[in-house]
Structures are given as C-alpha cells and as structure tokens.
Amino acid sequence: MSKEELKRKFIVSIDVLKERLEPLVTKALDHCVVADNGTVHVTSKHLGPKDRIRLVLAARSLAAQLTDDMSPEVSVRDLVSSTGIPENQIRARANELVKERFATSAKRGLYVANPHRIEPFLGSLSRQG
C-alpha cells in the first residue's frame, strides 16, 4: 500500500468524525440535555449516583465537540448542580470514576470523560432503560 493510500485511510475528514458524533448525541438525548450555560439536565430518573455523574461528564464532552463555547471539563460545583448529589459524594464517586479510567482529572475538582469510554457507557444505558 502506498503512502498516499495509507494517508487517505488514516487521516479522515471532519465529516467522518461528525457522523460518529451524531449517534452518541442521539443516545445521550434519551437521558439528558445540556443547557447553553453547560448545566446538564438529567431526565432519566432510574440512574444511580455514579451513572448520573458519568452521564454529566459524557454529555459535556459531547457538547464541547458541538460548540467551542463549552468546555468538556466539569467542576464539582457543576456536577452538584447537574445531579443534585451532595458535594462530598460527588468527590468520592468522581474519584472512583478516575480510578476506573472513565474520567481524568488534570486539576483538582475538574473532571473530563475519556472519549473512548463514552460510547460503551451510553450503549449500556440504552440496554438498561
């Protein structure tokens, strides 16, 4: 295979990436929406605390890919307002998610979903609900 053929296969256009984003956003819409200020409104009532936090992190990550006005990083304060879970529980569950590698935390109190973990998580929600 020539270098040019490899390049065409490996380096894809933004349209290919957007095609992958659409089904993820569609799955997320079944469970939440994101306000233009970044607050995630969870509409699925059956989710436990850790899954609500996962959903908020996943939704913000997806929203950040759709607009430059939103950061994929979610603060503890944002997690509290989006989930209704007390701050001490947010910190404990979010740290568990970092240990499980669902999320990363480059700065204390800020969490970001690992992109490759979002699709399997949203898929598991579809099978549950």
N, C-alpha and C. Protein backbone atom coordinates (compact mmCIF):
# COMPACT_ATOMS: atom_id res chain seq x y z
N MET A 1 0.85 -1.17 0.00
CA MET A 1 0.00 0.00 0.00
C MET A 1 0.90 1.24 0.00
N SER A 2 0.54 2.19 -0.83
CA SER A 2 1.36 3.40 -0.93
C SER A 2 1.12 4.33 0.26
N LYS A 3 2.01 5.24 0.41
CA LYS A 3 1.89 6.23 1.49
C LYS A 3 0.61 7.05 1.33
N GLU A 4 0.28 7.38 0.10
CA GLU A 4 -0.93 8.17 -0.17
C GLU A 4 -2.19 7.39 0.19
N GLU A 5 -2.21 6.09 -0.11
CA GLU A 5 -3.37 5.26 0.25
C GLU A 5 -3.50 5.16 1.77
N LEU A 6 -2.39 5.01 2.45
CA LEU A 6 -2.42 4.96 3.91
C LEU A 6 -2.95 6.28 4.48
N LYS A 7 -2.51 7.36 3.90
CA LYS A 7 -2.94 8.68 4.36
C LYS A 7 -4.45 8.83 4.22
N ARG A 8 -5.01 8.42 3.08
CA ARG A 8 -6.46 8.53 2.85
C ARG A 8 -7.24 7.68 3.84
N LYS A 9 -6.71 6.54 4.22
CA LYS A 9 -7.41 5.67 5.17
C LYS A 9 -7.29 6.18 6.61
N PHE A 10 -6.14 6.70 6.95
CA PHE A 10 -5.85 7.04 8.34
C PHE A 10 -6.28 8.45 8.71
N ILE A 11 -6.09 9.40 7.82
CA ILE A 11 -6.46 10.80 8.09
C ILE A 11 -7.81 11.05 7.45
N VAL A 12 -8.82 11.19 8.31
CA VAL A 12 -10.20 11.29 7.83
C VAL A 12 -10.67 12.74 7.90
N SER A 13 -11.71 13.02 7.15
CA SER A 13 -12.27 14.37 7.15
C SER A 13 -13.11 14.57 8.41
N ILE A 14 -13.38 15.81 8.72
CA ILE A 14 -14.20 16.15 9.88
C ILE A 14 -15.60 15.58 9.74
N ASP A 15 -16.09 15.39 8.52
CA ASP A 15 -17.42 14.83 8.30
C ASP A 15 -17.52 13.41 8.84
N VAL A 16 -16.46 12.63 8.72
CA VAL A 16 -16.47 11.27 9.24
C VAL A 16 -16.57 11.30 10.76
N LEU A 17 -15.88 12.22 11.40
CA LEU A 17 -15.94 12.34 12.85
C LEU A 17 -17.32 12.81 13.30
N LYS A 18 -17.93 13.71 12.54
CA LYS A 18 -19.27 14.19 12.88
C LYS A 18 -20.30 13.08 12.77
N GLU A 19 -20.13 12.18 11.80
CA GLU A 19 -21.04 11.05 11.65
C GLU A 19 -21.02 10.18 12.90
N ARG A 20 -19.88 10.03 13.49
CA ARG A 20 -19.74 9.24 14.71
C ARG A 20 -20.36 9.96 15.92
N LEU A 21 -20.32 11.28 15.91
CA LEU A 21 -20.86 12.07 17.00
C LEU A 21 -22.39 12.02 17.05
N GLU A 22 -23.03 12.00 15.90
CA GLU A 22 -24.50 12.03 15.85
C GLU A 22 -25.16 10.88 16.61
N PRO A 23 -24.75 9.62 16.42
CA PRO A 23 -25.43 8.55 17.18
C PRO A 23 -25.17 8.65 18.69
N LEU A 24 -24.01 9.17 19.08
CA LEU A 24 -23.73 9.32 20.51
C LEU A 24 -24.63 10.39 21.13
N VAL A 25 -24.78 11.50 20.44
CA VAL A 25 -25.65 12.57 20.94
C VAL A 25 -27.09 12.07 20.99
N THR A 26 -27.51 11.31 20.00
CA THR A 26 -28.87 10.76 19.97
C THR A 26 -29.10 9.85 21.18
N LYS A 27 -28.13 9.01 21.50
CA LYS A 27 -28.26 8.14 22.69
C LYS A 27 -28.31 8.98 23.96
N ALA A 28 -27.48 10.00 24.04
CA ALA A 28 -27.45 10.86 25.23
C ALA A 28 -28.77 11.61 25.40
N LEU A 29 -29.39 12.01 24.30
CA LEU A 29 -30.66 12.73 24.36
C LEU A 29 -31.77 11.93 25.04
N ASP A 30 -31.66 10.62 25.03
CA ASP A 30 -32.64 9.78 25.71
C ASP A 30 -32.55 9.93 27.23
N HIS A 31 -31.45 10.51 27.72
CA HIS A 31 -31.20 10.56 29.16
C HIS A 31 -30.92 11.96 29.71
N CYS A 32 -30.62 12.92 28.83
CA CYS A 32 -30.28 14.26 29.33
C CYS A 32 -30.30 15.27 28.19
N VAL A 33 -30.23 16.53 28.59
CA VAL A 33 -30.00 17.65 27.67
C VAL A 33 -28.99 18.58 28.34
N VAL A 34 -28.33 19.41 27.54
CA VAL A 34 -27.33 20.33 28.06
C VAL A 34 -27.80 21.76 27.80
N ALA A 35 -27.86 22.55 28.86
CA ALA A 35 -28.23 23.96 28.71
C ALA A 35 -27.05 24.72 28.11
N ASP A 36 -27.33 25.87 27.53
CA ASP A 36 -26.26 26.63 26.89
C ASP A 36 -25.23 27.16 27.89
N ASN A 37 -25.53 27.12 29.19
CA ASN A 37 -24.54 27.52 30.20
C ASN A 37 -23.69 26.33 30.67
N GLY A 38 -23.96 25.14 30.11
CA GLY A 38 -23.18 23.95 30.44
C GLY A 38 -23.81 23.02 31.45
N THR A 39 -24.89 23.46 32.08
CA THR A 39 -25.57 22.60 33.05
C THR A 39 -26.25 21.45 32.31
N VAL A 40 -26.02 20.25 32.78
CA VAL A 40 -26.63 19.06 32.19
C VAL A 40 -27.88 18.74 33.00
N HIS A 41 -29.00 18.60 32.32
CA HIS A 41 -30.27 18.26 32.96
C HIS A 41 -30.53 16.78 32.70
N VAL A 42 -30.39 15.98 33.74
CA VAL A 42 -30.58 14.53 33.64
C VAL A 42 -32.07 14.25 33.67
N THR A 43 -32.57 13.58 32.63
CA THR A 43 -34.00 13.27 32.55
C THR A 43 -34.31 11.84 32.94
N SER A 44 -33.30 10.98 33.00
CA SER A 44 -33.50 9.59 33.41
C SER A 44 -33.48 9.52 34.93
N LYS A 45 -34.58 9.10 35.49
CA LYS A 45 -34.71 9.06 36.95
C LYS A 45 -34.17 7.76 37.55
N HIS A 46 -33.96 6.72 36.74
CA HIS A 46 -33.55 5.41 37.24
C HIS A 46 -32.04 5.28 37.47
N LEU A 47 -31.27 6.29 37.15
CA LEU A 47 -29.81 6.19 37.25
C LEU A 47 -29.33 6.38 38.68
N GLY A 48 -28.35 5.57 39.06
CA GLY A 48 -27.72 5.73 40.36
C GLY A 48 -26.76 6.91 40.33
N PRO A 49 -26.22 7.29 41.49
CA PRO A 49 -25.34 8.46 41.56
C PRO A 49 -24.13 8.39 40.62
N LYS A 50 -23.45 7.25 40.58
CA LYS A 50 -22.24 7.17 39.75
C LYS A 50 -22.60 7.28 38.27
N ASP A 51 -23.70 6.67 37.86
CA ASP A 51 -24.11 6.77 36.45
C ASP A 51 -24.59 8.18 36.10
N ARG A 52 -25.20 8.89 37.05
CA ARG A 52 -25.58 10.28 36.78
C ARG A 52 -24.34 11.13 36.55
N ILE A 53 -23.31 10.90 37.35
CA ILE A 53 -22.06 11.65 37.17
C ILE A 53 -21.43 11.28 35.84
N ARG A 54 -21.41 9.98 35.50
CA ARG A 54 -20.88 9.55 34.20
C ARG A 54 -21.63 10.25 33.07
N LEU A 55 -22.96 10.29 33.18
CA LEU A 55 -23.78 10.90 32.13
C LEU A 55 -23.46 12.38 31.98
N VAL A 56 -23.30 13.09 33.08
CA VAL A 56 -22.96 14.52 33.01
C VAL A 56 -21.61 14.71 32.33
N LEU A 57 -20.63 13.91 32.72
CA LEU A 57 -19.30 14.03 32.10
C LEU A 57 -19.36 13.71 30.61
N ALA A 58 -20.10 12.67 30.25
CA ALA A 58 -20.22 12.29 28.84
C ALA A 58 -20.95 13.37 28.04
N ALA A 59 -22.03 13.88 28.60
CA ALA A 59 -22.81 14.91 27.90
C ALA A 59 -22.00 16.17 27.67
N ARG A 60 -21.25 16.60 28.67
CA ARG A 60 -20.43 17.80 28.50
C ARG A 60 -19.34 17.58 27.47
N SER A 61 -18.77 16.39 27.44
CA SER A 61 -17.75 16.08 26.45
C SER A 61 -18.33 16.15 25.05
N LEU A 62 -19.51 15.59 24.86
CA LEU A 62 -20.17 15.64 23.55
C LEU A 62 -20.54 17.07 23.18
N ALA A 63 -21.07 17.81 24.14
CA ALA A 63 -21.46 19.20 23.88
C ALA A 63 -20.24 20.05 23.49
N ALA A 64 -19.11 19.78 24.11
CA ALA A 64 -17.89 20.53 23.79
C ALA A 64 -17.42 20.26 22.37
N GLN A 65 -17.77 19.09 21.83
CA GLN A 65 -17.42 18.79 20.44
C GLN A 65 -18.36 19.50 19.47
N LEU A 66 -19.54 19.87 19.94
CA LEU A 66 -20.51 20.53 19.08
C LEU A 66 -20.37 22.05 19.06
N THR A 67 -19.79 22.61 20.12
CA THR A 67 -19.64 24.06 20.20
C THR A 67 -18.32 24.42 20.89
N ASP A 68 -17.72 25.49 20.43
CA ASP A 68 -16.48 25.96 21.04
C ASP A 68 -16.76 26.73 22.33
N ASP A 69 -18.04 27.03 22.60
CA ASP A 69 -18.42 27.82 23.77
C ASP A 69 -18.50 27.00 25.05
N MET A 70 -18.24 25.71 24.98
CA MET A 70 -18.38 24.85 26.14
C MET A 70 -17.13 24.01 26.34
N SER A 71 -16.74 23.90 27.59
CA SER A 71 -15.57 23.09 27.93
C SER A 71 -16.00 21.67 28.30
N PRO A 72 -15.18 20.69 27.95
CA PRO A 72 -15.51 19.32 28.38
C PRO A 72 -15.23 19.10 29.86
N GLU A 73 -14.47 20.02 30.48
CA GLU A 73 -14.16 19.90 31.90
C GLU A 73 -15.39 20.27 32.74
N VAL A 74 -15.64 19.45 33.76
CA VAL A 74 -16.79 19.68 34.63
C VAL A 74 -16.28 19.82 36.06
N SER A 75 -16.66 20.91 36.70
CA SER A 75 -16.24 21.16 38.08
C SER A 75 -17.15 20.41 39.04
N VAL A 76 -16.70 20.27 40.26
CA VAL A 76 -17.52 19.65 41.30
C VAL A 76 -18.81 20.43 41.47
N ARG A 77 -18.72 21.75 41.44
CA ARG A 77 -19.92 22.59 41.57
C ARG A 77 -20.92 22.31 40.45
N ASP A 78 -20.42 22.17 39.21
CA ASP A 78 -21.31 21.84 38.09
C ASP A 78 -21.92 20.46 38.25
N LEU A 79 -21.14 19.51 38.75
CA LEU A 79 -21.67 18.16 38.98
C LEU A 79 -22.78 18.18 40.03
N VAL A 80 -22.59 18.98 41.08
CA VAL A 80 -23.62 19.10 42.11
C VAL A 80 -24.90 19.68 41.51
N SER A 81 -24.78 20.76 40.74
CA SER A 81 -25.99 21.39 40.18
C SER A 81 -26.65 20.52 39.11
N SER A 82 -25.89 19.72 38.42
CA SER A 82 -26.46 18.87 37.37
C SER A 82 -27.08 17.59 37.92
N THR A 83 -26.56 17.09 39.03
CA THR A 83 -27.03 15.79 39.54
C THR A 83 -27.86 15.88 40.80
N GLY A 84 -27.67 16.95 41.59
CA GLY A 84 -28.36 17.05 42.86
C GLY A 84 -27.72 16.21 43.96
N ILE A 85 -26.57 15.65 43.67
CA ILE A 85 -25.84 14.82 44.64
C ILE A 85 -24.98 15.74 45.50
N PRO A 86 -24.92 15.50 46.82
CA PRO A 86 -24.09 16.34 47.69
C PRO A 86 -22.62 16.32 47.28
N GLU A 87 -21.93 17.43 47.56
CA GLU A 87 -20.54 17.61 47.12
C GLU A 87 -19.60 16.51 47.61
N ASN A 88 -19.74 16.08 48.87
CA ASN A 88 -18.83 15.04 49.37
C ASN A 88 -19.02 13.73 48.61
N GLN A 89 -20.25 13.41 48.24
CA GLN A 89 -20.50 12.21 47.44
C GLN A 89 -19.99 12.37 46.01
N ILE A 90 -20.14 13.57 45.47
CA ILE A 90 -19.62 13.85 44.11
C ILE A 90 -18.13 13.58 44.08
N ARG A 91 -17.41 14.12 45.04
CA ARG A 91 -15.96 13.95 45.07
C ARG A 91 -15.58 12.47 45.17
N ALA A 92 -16.26 11.75 46.02
CA ALA A 92 -15.95 10.32 46.19
C ALA A 92 -16.26 9.53 44.92
N ARG A 93 -17.44 9.73 44.34
CA ARG A 93 -17.81 8.99 43.12
C ARG A 93 -16.94 9.41 41.94
N ALA A 94 -16.65 10.70 41.81
CA ALA A 94 -15.81 11.18 40.70
C ALA A 94 -14.40 10.59 40.81
N ASN A 95 -13.87 10.50 42.01
CA ASN A 95 -12.55 9.89 42.19
C ASN A 95 -12.58 8.41 41.83
N GLU A 96 -13.69 7.73 42.12
CA GLU A 96 -13.84 6.33 41.70
C GLU A 96 -13.82 6.24 40.17
N LEU A 97 -14.49 7.18 39.51
CA LEU A 97 -14.52 7.17 38.04
C LEU A 97 -13.14 7.41 37.46
N VAL A 98 -12.32 8.20 38.13
CA VAL A 98 -10.94 8.41 37.68
C VAL A 98 -10.16 7.11 37.85
N LYS A 99 -10.33 6.44 38.98
CA LYS A 99 -9.63 5.16 39.21
C LYS A 99 -10.06 4.11 38.20
N GLU A 100 -11.34 4.14 37.80
CA GLU A 100 -11.86 3.20 36.79
C GLU A 100 -11.50 3.62 35.37
N ARG A 101 -10.88 4.77 35.23
CA ARG A 101 -10.45 5.36 33.96
C ARG A 101 -11.60 5.80 33.04
N PHE A 102 -12.78 6.00 33.64
CA PHE A 102 -13.85 6.60 32.85
C PHE A 102 -13.56 8.08 32.63
N ALA A 103 -12.91 8.69 33.61
CA ALA A 103 -12.62 10.12 33.56
C ALA A 103 -11.18 10.39 33.95
N THR A 104 -10.75 11.61 33.66
CA THR A 104 -9.44 12.06 34.11
C THR A 104 -9.65 13.35 34.89
N SER A 105 -8.64 13.69 35.69
CA SER A 105 -8.69 14.93 36.45
C SER A 105 -7.30 15.56 36.41
N ALA A 106 -7.13 16.51 35.50
CA ALA A 106 -5.83 17.17 35.35
C ALA A 106 -5.63 18.21 36.44
N LYS A 107 -6.72 18.68 37.01
CA LYS A 107 -6.67 19.71 38.03
C LYS A 107 -7.68 19.33 39.12
N ARG A 108 -7.34 19.56 40.35
CA ARG A 108 -8.22 19.18 41.46
C ARG A 108 -9.61 19.79 41.29
N GLY A 109 -10.62 18.93 41.39
CA GLY A 109 -12.00 19.40 41.31
C GLY A 109 -12.54 19.56 39.90
N LEU A 110 -11.75 19.22 38.88
CA LEU A 110 -12.21 19.28 37.48
C LEU A 110 -12.08 17.90 36.87
N TYR A 111 -13.14 17.46 36.21
CA TYR A 111 -13.16 16.11 35.64
C TYR A 111 -13.57 16.16 34.17
N VAL A 112 -13.00 15.24 33.40
CA VAL A 112 -13.29 15.13 31.97
C VAL A 112 -13.47 13.66 31.63
N ALA A 113 -14.51 13.34 30.87
CA ALA A 113 -14.73 11.96 30.44
C ALA A 113 -13.67 11.56 29.43
N ASN A 114 -13.20 10.34 29.53
CA ASN A 114 -12.30 9.79 28.50
C ASN A 114 -13.16 9.48 27.28
N PRO A 115 -12.85 10.07 26.13
CA PRO A 115 -13.71 9.92 24.94
C PRO A 115 -14.01 8.47 24.56
N HIS A 116 -13.03 7.59 24.68
CA HIS A 116 -13.26 6.20 24.26
C HIS A 116 -14.16 5.43 25.23
N ARG A 117 -14.49 6.01 26.37
CA ARG A 117 -15.37 5.35 27.34
C ARG A 117 -16.83 5.79 27.20
N ILE A 118 -17.07 6.85 26.45
CA ILE A 118 -18.42 7.41 26.35
C ILE A 118 -19.37 6.47 25.60
N GLU A 119 -18.95 5.98 24.45
CA GLU A 119 -19.83 5.14 23.63
C GLU A 119 -20.26 3.87 24.37
N PRO A 120 -19.33 3.12 25.00
CA PRO A 120 -19.80 1.93 25.74
C PRO A 120 -20.75 2.28 26.88
N PHE A 121 -20.50 3.38 27.56
CA PHE A 121 -21.38 3.79 28.66
C PHE A 121 -22.78 4.11 28.14
N LEU A 122 -22.88 4.93 27.10
CA LEU A 122 -24.19 5.27 26.55
C LEU A 122 -24.91 4.05 26.01
N GLY A 123 -24.16 3.12 25.44
CA GLY A 123 -24.74 1.87 24.97
C GLY A 123 -25.32 1.06 26.12
N SER A 124 -24.64 1.06 27.26
CA SER A 124 -25.14 0.31 28.41
C SER A 124 -26.42 0.96 28.96
N LEU A 125 -26.54 2.27 28.87
CA LEU A 125 -27.76 2.95 29.31
C LEU A 125 -28.94 2.57 28.43
N SER A 126 -28.69 2.44 27.13
CA SER A 126 -29.76 2.09 26.20
C SER A 126 -30.28 0.69 26.50
N ARG A 127 -29.39 -0.21 26.88
CA ARG A 127 -29.82 -1.59 27.19
C ARG A 127 -30.55 -1.65 28.53
N GLN A 128 -30.22 -0.75 29.47
CA GLN A 128 -30.87 -0.74 30.78
C GLN A 128 -32.30 -0.22 30.72
N GLY A 129 -32.43 0.91 30.01
CA GLY A 129 -33.68 1.64 30.07
C GLY A 129 -34.68 1.21 29.08
